[in-house]
PDB file of N, CA and C in Angstrom:
ATOM      1  N   UNK A   1       0.845  -1.178   0.000  1.00  0.00           N
ATOM      2  CA  UNK A   1       0.000   0.000   0.000  1.00  0.00           C
ATOM      3  C   UNK A   1       0.886   1.234   0.000  1.00  0.00           C
ATOM      4  N   UNK A   2       0.506   2.243  -0.728  1.00  0.00           N
ATOM      5  CA  UNK A   2       1.293   3.472  -0.806  1.00  0.00           C
ATOM      6  C   UNK A   2       1.200   4.240   0.499  1.00  0.00           C
ATOM      7  N   UNK A   3       2.285   4.914   0.847  1.00  0.00           N
ATOM      8  CA  UNK A   3       2.318   5.700   2.077  1.00  0.00           C
ATOM      9  C   UNK A   3       1.501   6.976   1.865  1.00  0.00           C
ATOM     10  N   UNK A   4       0.469   7.173   2.677  1.00  0.00           N
ATOM     11  CA  UNK A   4      -0.405   8.328   2.533  1.00  0.00           C
ATOM     12  C   UNK A   4      -0.014   9.456   3.450  1.00  0.00           C
ATOM     13  N   UNK A   5       0.889   9.202   4.398  1.00  0.00           N
ATOM     14  CA  UNK A   5       1.274  10.237   5.331  1.00  0.00           C
ATOM     15  C   UNK A   5       0.375  10.312   6.545  1.00  0.00           C
ATOM     16  N   UNK A   6      -0.707   9.573   6.554  1.00  0.00           N
ATOM     17  CA  UNK A   6      -1.629   9.548   7.688  1.00  0.00           C
ATOM     18  C   UNK A   6      -1.481   8.232   8.438  1.00  0.00           C
ATOM     19  N   UNK A   7      -1.476   8.311   9.755  1.00  0.00           N
ATOM     20  CA  UNK A   7      -1.417   7.093  10.552  1.00  0.00           C
ATOM     21  C   UNK A   7      -2.766   6.377  10.487  1.00  0.00           C
ATOM     22  N   UNK A   8      -2.777   5.161  10.975  1.00  0.00           N
ATOM     23  CA  UNK A   8      -4.004   4.369  10.987  1.00  0.00           C
ATOM     24  C   UNK A   8      -5.093   5.072  11.796  1.00  0.00           C
ATOM     25  N   UNK A   9      -4.726   5.585  12.988  1.00  0.00           N
ATOM     26  CA  UNK A   9      -5.707   6.253  13.837  1.00  0.00           C
ATOM     27  C   UNK A   9      -6.221   7.527  13.188  1.00  0.00           C
ATOM     28  N   UNK A  10      -5.356   8.261  12.522  1.00  0.00           N
ATOM     29  CA  UNK A  10      -5.792   9.480  11.836  1.00  0.00           C
ATOM     30  C   UNK A  10      -6.747   9.144  10.695  1.00  0.00           C
ATOM     31  N   UNK A  11      -6.438   8.081   9.947  1.00  0.00           N
ATOM     32  CA  UNK A  11      -7.346   7.675   8.867  1.00  0.00           C
ATOM     33  C   UNK A  11      -8.692   7.235   9.412  1.00  0.00           C
ATOM     34  N   UNK A  12      -8.696   6.552  10.573  1.00  0.00           N
ATOM     35  CA  UNK A  12      -9.981   6.161  11.183  1.00  0.00           C
ATOM     36  C   UNK A  12     -10.793   7.378  11.576  1.00  0.00           C
ATOM     37  N   UNK A  13     -10.139   8.363  12.172  1.00  0.00           N
ATOM     38  CA  UNK A  13     -10.851   9.584  12.577  1.00  0.00           C
ATOM     39  C   UNK A  13     -11.378  10.334  11.356  1.00  0.00           C
ATOM     40  N   UNK A  14     -10.539  10.498  10.339  1.00  0.00           N
ATOM     41  CA  UNK A  14     -10.978  11.196   9.141  1.00  0.00           C
ATOM     42  C   UNK A  14     -12.108  10.447   8.440  1.00  0.00           C
ATOM     43  N   UNK A  15     -12.064   9.126   8.449  1.00  0.00           N
ATOM     44  CA  UNK A  15     -13.145   8.373   7.814  1.00  0.00           C
ATOM     45  C   UNK A  15     -14.469   8.620   8.527  1.00  0.00           C
ATOM     46  N   UNK A  16     -14.446   8.714   9.858  1.00  0.00           N
ATOM     47  CA  UNK A  16     -15.669   9.036  10.593  1.00  0.00           C
ATOM     48  C   UNK A  16     -16.178  10.430  10.262  1.00  0.00           C
ATOM     49  N   UNK A  17     -15.285  11.395  10.215  1.00  0.00           N
ATOM     50  CA  UNK A  17     -15.680  12.768   9.881  1.00  0.00           C
ATOM     51  C   UNK A  17     -16.278  12.816   8.477  1.00  0.00           C
ATOM     52  N   UNK A  18     -15.636  12.130   7.552  1.00  0.00           N
ATOM     53  CA  UNK A  18     -16.127  12.119   6.177  1.00  0.00           C
ATOM     54  C   UNK A  18     -17.506  11.477   6.099  1.00  0.00           C
ATOM     55  N   UNK A  19     -17.695  10.347   6.780  1.00  0.00           N
ATOM     56  CA  UNK A  19     -18.971   9.639   6.692  1.00  0.00           C
ATOM     57  C   UNK A  19     -20.094  10.345   7.448  1.00  0.00           C
ATOM     58  N   UNK A  20     -19.784  10.984   8.564  1.00  0.00           N
ATOM     59  CA  UNK A  20     -20.832  11.605   9.371  1.00  0.00           C
ATOM     60  C   UNK A  20     -21.140  13.041   8.979  1.00  0.00           C
ATOM     61  N   UNK A  21     -20.179  13.759   8.433  1.00  0.00           N
ATOM     62  CA  UNK A  21     -20.393  15.160   8.084  1.00  0.00           C
ATOM     63  C   UNK A  21     -20.262  15.383   6.577  1.00  0.00           C
ATOM     64  N   UNK A  22     -19.180  14.892   6.008  1.00  0.00           N
ATOM     65  CA  UNK A  22     -18.910  15.147   4.598  1.00  0.00           C
ATOM     66  C   UNK A  22     -19.882  14.488   3.645  1.00  0.00           C
ATOM     67  N   UNK A  23     -20.207  13.241   3.883  1.00  0.00           N
ATOM     68  CA  UNK A  23     -21.104  12.532   2.969  1.00  0.00           C
ATOM     69  C   UNK A  23     -22.517  13.114   2.964  1.00  0.00           C
ATOM     70  N   UNK A  24     -23.124  13.414   4.128  1.00  0.00           N
ATOM     71  CA  UNK A  24     -24.441  14.076   4.063  1.00  0.00           C
ATOM     72  C   UNK A  24     -24.391  15.430   3.349  1.00  0.00           C
ATOM     73  N   UNK A  25     -23.322  16.192   3.555  1.00  0.00           N
ATOM     74  CA  UNK A  25     -23.190  17.472   2.852  1.00  0.00           C
ATOM     75  C   UNK A  25     -23.054  17.240   1.345  1.00  0.00           C
ATOM     76  N   UNK A  26     -22.319  16.208   0.970  1.00  0.00           N
ATOM     77  CA  UNK A  26     -22.162  15.884  -0.447  1.00  0.00           C
ATOM     78  C   UNK A  26     -23.496  15.456  -1.056  1.00  0.00           C
ATOM     79  N   UNK A  27     -24.286  14.705  -0.313  1.00  0.00           N
ATOM     80  CA  UNK A  27     -25.597  14.264  -0.813  1.00  0.00           C
ATOM     81  C   UNK A  27     -26.495  15.470  -1.062  1.00  0.00           C
ATOM     82  N   UNK A  28     -26.505  16.408  -0.127  1.00  0.00           N
ATOM     83  CA  UNK A  28     -27.316  17.626  -0.299  1.00  0.00           C
ATOM     84  C   UNK A  28     -26.834  18.402  -1.524  1.00  0.00           C
ATOM     85  N   UNK A  29     -25.522  18.499  -1.697  1.00  0.00           N
ATOM     86  CA  UNK A  29     -24.972  19.205  -2.855  1.00  0.00           C
ATOM     87  C   UNK A  29     -25.337  18.496  -4.160  1.00  0.00           C
ATOM     88  N   UNK A  30     -25.288  17.161  -4.168  1.00  0.00           N
ATOM     89  CA  UNK A  30     -25.624  16.402  -5.375  1.00  0.00           C
ATOM     90  C   UNK A  30     -27.099  16.574  -5.733  1.00  0.00           C
ATOM     91  N   UNK A  31     -27.967  16.532  -4.744  1.00  0.00           N
ATOM     92  CA  UNK A  31     -29.396  16.718  -4.999  1.00  0.00           C
ATOM     93  C   UNK A  31     -29.670  18.140  -5.485  1.00  0.00           C
ATOM     94  N   UNK A  32     -28.967  19.108  -4.903  1.00  0.00           N
ATOM     95  CA  UNK A  32     -29.120  20.497  -5.347  1.00  0.00           C
ATOM     96  C   UNK A  32     -28.647  20.661  -6.790  1.00  0.00           C
ATOM     97  N   UNK A  33     -27.568  19.976  -7.147  1.00  0.00           N
ATOM     98  CA  UNK A  33     -27.079  20.036  -8.514  1.00  0.00           C
ATOM     99  C   UNK A  33     -28.108  19.473  -9.486  1.00  0.00           C
ATOM    100  N   UNK A  34     -28.699  18.349  -9.154  1.00  0.00           N
ATOM    101  CA  UNK A  34     -29.720  17.743 -10.012  1.00  0.00           C
ATOM    102  C   UNK A  34     -30.925  18.674 -10.142  1.00  0.00           C
ATOM    103  N   UNK A  35     -31.326  19.305  -9.032  1.00  0.00           N
ATOM    104  CA  UNK A  35     -32.465  20.231  -9.075  1.00  0.00           C
ATOM    105  C   UNK A  35     -32.144  21.468  -9.912  1.00  0.00           C
ATOM    106  N   UNK A  36     -30.873  21.875  -9.938  1.00  0.00           N
ATOM    107  CA  UNK A  36     -30.456  23.056 -10.679  1.00  0.00           C
ATOM    108  C   UNK A  36     -30.419  22.798 -12.186  1.00  0.00           C
ATOM    109  N   UNK A  37     -30.149  21.552 -12.577  1.00  0.00           N
ATOM    110  CA  UNK A  37     -30.093  21.201 -13.998  1.00  0.00           C
ATOM    111  C   UNK A  37     -31.482  21.297 -14.620  1.00  0.00           C
ATOM    112  N   UNK A  38     -31.544  21.529 -15.924  1.00  0.00           N
ATOM    113  CA  UNK A  38     -32.858  21.519 -16.585  1.00  0.00           C
ATOM    114  C   UNK A  38     -33.462  20.120 -16.518  1.00  0.00           C
ATOM    115  N   UNK A  39     -34.749  20.042 -16.786  1.00  0.00           N
ATOM    116  CA  UNK A  39     -35.421  18.737 -16.763  1.00  0.00           C
ATOM    117  C   UNK A  39     -34.765  17.797 -17.757  1.00  0.00           C
ATOM    118  N   UNK A  40     -34.295  16.672 -17.229  1.00  0.00           N
ATOM    119  CA  UNK A  40     -33.627  15.663 -18.042  1.00  0.00           C
ATOM    120  C   UNK A  40     -34.484  14.409 -18.084  1.00  0.00           C
ATOM    121  N   UNK A  41     -34.304  13.591 -19.108  1.00  0.00           N
ATOM    122  CA  UNK A  41     -35.011  12.299 -19.113  1.00  0.00           C
ATOM    123  C   UNK A  41     -34.622  11.481 -17.877  1.00  0.00           C
ATOM    124  N   UNK A  42     -35.483  10.598 -17.476  1.00  0.00           N
ATOM    125  CA  UNK A  42     -35.261   9.806 -16.275  1.00  0.00           C
ATOM    126  C   UNK A  42     -33.985   8.998 -16.298  1.00  0.00           C
ATOM    127  N   UNK A  43     -33.670   8.405 -17.433  1.00  0.00           N
ATOM    128  CA  UNK A  43     -32.462   7.582 -17.504  1.00  0.00           C
ATOM    129  C   UNK A  43     -31.202   8.429 -17.390  1.00  0.00           C
ATOM    130  N   UNK A  44     -31.235   9.667 -17.890  1.00  0.00           N
ATOM    131  CA  UNK A  44     -30.072  10.549 -17.772  1.00  0.00           C
ATOM    132  C   UNK A  44     -29.890  10.971 -16.316  1.00  0.00           C
ATOM    133  N   UNK A  45     -30.997  11.299 -15.657  1.00  0.00           N
ATOM    134  CA  UNK A  45     -30.946  11.666 -14.243  1.00  0.00           C
ATOM    135  C   UNK A  45     -30.388  10.512 -13.420  1.00  0.00           C
ATOM    136  N   UNK A  46     -30.840   9.308 -13.698  1.00  0.00           N
ATOM    137  CA  UNK A  46     -30.333   8.132 -13.004  1.00  0.00           C
ATOM    138  C   UNK A  46     -28.828   7.979 -13.218  1.00  0.00           C
ATOM    139  N   UNK A  47     -28.380   8.152 -14.452  1.00  0.00           N
ATOM    140  CA  UNK A  47     -26.959   8.031 -14.778  1.00  0.00           C
ATOM    141  C   UNK A  47     -26.137   9.092 -14.031  1.00  0.00           C
ATOM    142  N   UNK A  48     -26.654  10.319 -13.933  1.00  0.00           N
ATOM    143  CA  UNK A  48     -25.957  11.375 -13.204  1.00  0.00           C
ATOM    144  C   UNK A  48     -25.867  11.016 -11.726  1.00  0.00           C
ATOM    145  N   UNK A  49     -26.952  10.492 -11.150  1.00  0.00           N
ATOM    146  CA  UNK A  49     -26.920  10.069  -9.747  1.00  0.00           C
ATOM    147  C   UNK A  49     -25.899   8.946  -9.521  1.00  0.00           C
ATOM    148  N   UNK A  50     -25.809   8.011 -10.442  1.00  0.00           N
ATOM    149  CA  UNK A  50     -24.840   6.917 -10.309  1.00  0.00           C
ATOM    150  C   UNK A  50     -23.417   7.468 -10.359  1.00  0.00           C
ATOM    151  N   UNK A  51     -23.154   8.362 -11.305  1.00  0.00           N
ATOM    152  CA  UNK A  51     -21.818   8.966 -11.412  1.00  0.00           C
ATOM    153  C   UNK A  51     -21.489   9.741 -10.138  1.00  0.00           C
ATOM    154  N   UNK A  52     -22.422  10.557  -9.652  1.00  0.00           N
ATOM    155  CA  UNK A  52     -22.182  11.324  -8.429  1.00  0.00           C
ATOM    156  C   UNK A  52     -22.051  10.408  -7.213  1.00  0.00           C
ATOM    157  N   UNK A  53     -22.739   9.280  -7.222  1.00  0.00           N
ATOM    158  CA  UNK A  53     -22.664   8.340  -6.119  1.00  0.00           C
ATOM    159  C   UNK A  53     -21.296   7.698  -5.972  1.00  0.00           C
ATOM    160  N   UNK A  54     -20.589   7.543  -7.078  1.00  0.00           N
ATOM    161  CA  UNK A  54     -19.250   6.969  -7.029  1.00  0.00           C
ATOM    162  C   UNK A  54     -18.149   8.026  -7.012  1.00  0.00           C
ATOM    163  N   UNK A  55     -18.451   9.231  -7.445  1.00  0.00           N
ATOM    164  CA  UNK A  55     -17.431  10.274  -7.595  1.00  0.00           C
ATOM    165  C   UNK A  55     -16.805  10.683  -6.271  1.00  0.00           C
ATOM    166  N   UNK A  56     -17.545  10.637  -5.175  1.00  0.00           N
ATOM    167  CA  UNK A  56     -16.989  11.054  -3.887  1.00  0.00           C
ATOM    168  C   UNK A  56     -15.920  10.089  -3.394  1.00  0.00           C
ATOM    169  N   UNK A  57     -15.973   8.846  -3.837  1.00  0.00           N
ATOM    170  CA  UNK A  57     -15.029   7.843  -3.350  1.00  0.00           C
ATOM    171  C   UNK A  57     -13.645   7.967  -3.962  1.00  0.00           C
ATOM    172  N   UNK A  58     -13.568   8.435  -5.185  1.00  0.00           N
ATOM    173  CA  UNK A  58     -12.288   8.441  -5.902  1.00  0.00           C
ATOM    174  C   UNK A  58     -11.218   9.259  -5.176  1.00  0.00           C
ATOM    175  N   UNK A  59     -11.470  10.518  -4.802  1.00  0.00           N
ATOM    176  CA  UNK A  59     -10.392  11.263  -4.141  1.00  0.00           C
ATOM    177  C   UNK A  59     -10.154  10.844  -2.692  1.00  0.00           C
ATOM    178  N   UNK A  60     -11.089  10.133  -2.089  1.00  0.00           N
ATOM    179  CA  UNK A  60     -10.973   9.773  -0.675  1.00  0.00           C
ATOM    180  C   UNK A  60     -10.624   8.309  -0.455  1.00  0.00           C
ATOM    181  N   UNK A  61     -10.300   7.602  -1.506  1.00  0.00           N
ATOM    182  CA  UNK A  61     -10.035   6.170  -1.415  1.00  0.00           C
ATOM    183  C   UNK A  61      -8.926   5.860  -0.414  1.00  0.00           C
ATOM    184  N   UNK A  62      -7.856   6.659  -0.398  1.00  0.00           N
ATOM    185  CA  UNK A  62      -6.717   6.379   0.474  1.00  0.00           C
ATOM    186  C   UNK A  62      -7.087   6.465   1.951  1.00  0.00           C
ATOM    187  N   UNK A  63      -8.109   7.249   2.295  1.00  0.00           N
ATOM    188  CA  UNK A  63      -8.512   7.379   3.700  1.00  0.00           C
ATOM    189  C   UNK A  63      -9.156   6.087   4.188  1.00  0.00           C
ATOM    190  N   UNK A  64      -9.924   5.431   3.343  1.00  0.00           N
ATOM    191  CA  UNK A  64     -10.696   4.265   3.749  1.00  0.00           C
ATOM    192  C   UNK A  64      -9.969   2.939   3.580  1.00  0.00           C
ATOM    193  N   UNK A  65      -8.832   2.919   2.899  1.00  0.00           N
ATOM    194  CA  UNK A  65      -8.116   1.663   2.686  1.00  0.00           C
ATOM    195  C   UNK A  65      -7.617   1.084   4.007  1.00  0.00           C
ATOM    196  N   UNK A  66      -8.007  -0.146   4.310  1.00  0.00           N
ATOM    197  CA  UNK A  66      -7.524  -0.849   5.489  1.00  0.00           C
ATOM    198  C   UNK A  66      -8.173  -0.460   6.801  1.00  0.00           C
ATOM    199  N   UNK A  67      -9.196   0.380   6.790  1.00  0.00           N
ATOM    200  CA  UNK A  67      -9.819   0.839   8.026  1.00  0.00           C
ATOM    201  C   UNK A  67     -10.542  -0.308   8.748  1.00  0.00           C
ATOM    202  N   UNK A  68     -11.095  -1.246   8.030  1.00  0.00           N
ATOM    203  CA  UNK A  68     -11.819  -2.353   8.651  1.00  0.00           C
ATOM    204  C   UNK A  68     -10.922  -3.442   9.209  1.00  0.00           C
ATOM    205  N   UNK A  69      -9.628  -3.325   9.024  1.00  0.00           N
ATOM    206  CA  UNK A  69      -8.694  -4.330   9.515  1.00  0.00           C
ATOM    207  C   UNK A  69      -8.080  -3.885  10.833  1.00  0.00           C
ATOM    208  N   UNK A  70      -7.370  -4.789  11.466  1.00  0.00           N
ATOM    209  CA  UNK A  70      -6.716  -4.475  12.741  1.00  0.00           C
ATOM    210  C   UNK A  70      -5.642  -3.418  12.535  1.00  0.00           C
ATOM    211  N   UNK A  71      -5.364  -2.660  13.589  1.00  0.00           N
ATOM    212  CA  UNK A  71      -4.355  -1.606  13.550  1.00  0.00           C
ATOM    213  C   UNK A  71      -2.983  -2.214  13.281  1.00  0.00           C
ATOM    214  N   UNK A  72      -2.357  -1.879  12.155  1.00  0.00           N
ATOM    215  CA  UNK A  72      -1.046  -2.468  11.857  1.00  0.00           C
ATOM    216  C   UNK A  72       0.056  -1.924  12.762  1.00  0.00           C
ATOM    217  N   UNK A  73      -0.171  -0.804  13.437  1.00  0.00           N
ATOM    218  CA  UNK A  73       0.831  -0.217  14.320  1.00  0.00           C
ATOM    219  C   UNK A  73       0.723  -0.727  15.751  1.00  0.00           C
ATOM    220  N   UNK A  74      -0.354  -1.421  16.073  1.00  0.00           N
ATOM    221  CA  UNK A  74      -0.550  -1.916  17.440  1.00  0.00           C
ATOM    222  C   UNK A  74       0.364  -3.102  17.692  1.00  0.00           C
ATOM    223  N   UNK A  75       0.835  -3.239  18.940  1.00  0.00           N
ATOM    224  CA  UNK A  75       1.654  -4.416  19.277  1.00  0.00           C
ATOM    225  C   UNK A  75       0.801  -5.683  19.197  1.00  0.00           C
ATOM    226  N   UNK A  76       1.449  -6.795  18.865  1.00  0.00           N
ATOM    227  CA  UNK A  76       0.735  -8.066  18.746  1.00  0.00           C
ATOM    228  C   UNK A  76       0.157  -8.459  20.087  1.00  0.00           C
ATOM    229  N   UNK A  77      -1.084  -8.928  20.068  1.00  0.00           N
ATOM    230  CA  UNK A  77      -1.784  -9.329  21.295  1.00  0.00           C
ATOM    231  C   UNK A  77      -1.916 -10.844  21.366  1.00  0.00           C
ATOM    232  N   UNK A  78      -0.930 -11.566  20.854  1.00  0.00           N
ATOM    233  CA  UNK A  78      -0.985 -13.026  20.903  1.00  0.00           C
ATOM    234  C   UNK A  78      -0.601 -13.508  22.306  1.00  0.00           C
ATOM    235  N   UNK A  79      -0.951 -14.676  22.593  1.00  0.00           N
ATOM    236  CA  UNK A  79      -0.626 -15.258  23.899  1.00  0.00           C
ATOM    237  C   UNK A  79      -1.901 -15.664  24.608  1.00  0.00           C
ATOM    238  N   UNK A  80      -2.863 -14.808  24.665  1.00  0.00           N
ATOM    239  CA  UNK A  80      -4.179 -15.119  25.200  1.00  0.00           C
ATOM    240  C   UNK A  80      -4.142 -15.829  26.538  1.00  0.00           C
ATOM    241  N   UNK A  81      -5.309 -16.246  26.989  1.00  0.00           N
ATOM    242  CA  UNK A  81      -5.432 -16.984  28.261  1.00  0.00           C
ATOM    243  C   UNK A  81      -5.522 -18.452  27.924  1.00  0.00           C
ATOM    244  N   UNK A  82      -4.494 -19.178  28.123  1.00  0.00           N
ATOM    245  CA  UNK A  82      -4.530 -20.568  27.702  1.00  0.00           C
ATOM    246  C   UNK A  82      -4.012 -21.486  28.658  1.00  0.00           C
TER     247      UNK A  82
END
């Protein structure tokens, strides 16, 4: 994985901020954009929504990579109670 300059914990925090604040703001902006456009056929409107639905992920992909996995910087917790 390419070095993004952000630690695992920082990426987790930013992912929460993006999902809880940024994504709802982006949804409102996308709906406003569609409302601002002239009346389009239904299939074109659907296509624009699909494009906008994926467009937010492209620049933010590096923030979400590996977030669902264990912290790679944490010390190993092997040994358990056995």
